[in-house]
Protein backbone atom coordinates (compact mmCIF):
# COMPACT_ATOMS: atom_id res chain seq x y z
CA MET A 1 -0.48 0.04 -0.10
CA SER A 2 1.54 3.76 -0.97
CA ASP A 3 1.61 6.48 1.02
CA ARG A 4 -0.44 9.56 -0.21
CA LEU A 5 1.58 12.99 -0.29
CA LEU A 6 0.73 15.67 1.03
CA ARG A 7 1.79 19.21 -0.71
CA LEU A 8 2.16 22.11 2.11
CA PRO A 9 -1.63 23.57 1.37
CA SER A 10 -3.05 20.06 2.54
CA VAL A 11 -0.88 20.29 5.32
CA VAL A 12 -1.83 23.57 6.48
CA GLU A 13 -5.38 22.99 6.16
CA THR A 14 -5.30 19.71 7.66
CA THR A 15 -3.42 20.94 10.56
CA GLY A 16 -4.70 24.59 11.39
CA LEU A 17 -0.81 25.15 11.37
CA SER A 18 0.50 27.89 9.41
CA ARG A 19 3.63 27.32 6.92
CA ARG A 20 6.15 29.18 9.20
CA THR A 21 4.81 26.71 12.45
CA ILE A 22 5.60 23.86 10.22
CA TYR A 23 8.93 24.66 9.25
CA ARG A 24 9.92 26.09 12.57
CA LYS A 25 8.45 22.63 14.43
CA MET A 26 10.28 20.65 11.55
CA ASP A 27 13.40 22.42 12.40
CA CYS A 28 12.79 21.52 16.64
CA GLY A 29 11.90 17.92 15.26
CA GLU A 30 8.25 18.39 16.90
CA PHE A 31 6.76 17.79 13.03
CA PRO A 32 6.98 15.42 10.56
CA ARG A 33 9.95 15.73 8.07
CA SER A 34 8.99 16.41 4.60
CA VAL A 35 10.09 14.34 1.64
CA GLN A 36 11.98 16.05 -1.82
CA ILE A 37 9.79 14.79 -4.43
CA SER A 38 11.28 17.07 -7.26
CA ALA A 39 14.00 19.37 -7.52
CA ASN A 40 11.65 22.27 -6.16
CA ALA A 41 8.87 20.17 -4.55
CA VAL A 42 8.39 18.64 -1.04
CA ALA A 43 5.40 16.63 0.46
CA TRP A 44 4.71 15.01 3.72
CA ARG A 45 3.59 11.06 4.12
CA GLN A 46 -0.16 11.74 5.08
CA SER A 47 0.50 8.88 7.39
CA ASP A 48 2.84 11.10 9.30
CA ILE A 49 0.67 13.43 9.24
CA ASP A 50 -2.24 11.78 10.54
CA ARG A 51 0.01 10.21 13.62
CA TRP A 52 1.58 13.50 14.54
CA ILE A 53 -2.34 14.98 14.62
CA GLU A 54 -3.34 11.60 17.17
CA ASN A 55 -0.31 13.10 19.28
CA PRO A 56 1.68 15.95 18.42
CA LEU A 57 2.94 16.19 22.08
CA GLU A 58 4.56 12.76 21.58
CA TRP A 59 6.04 13.30 18.17
CA ARG A 60 9.77 14.05 18.91
CA GLY A 61 9.72 10.47 20.79
CA ALA A 62 8.21 8.51 17.62
CA ALA A 63 10.46 10.52 15.25
């Protein structure tokens, strides 16, 4: 089963976080890392975002 890839607008809408907050939390290890999908584009695995939504305070330990 392949994991759906979400682009930034979908991640912002799904999580309710701003773009700036997403990248800040990624830098701190508190949000799932994006994956490079082309030279100029990144996406997030939906399963990672779903796990983060279930328990955002425990993400650091899961990563």
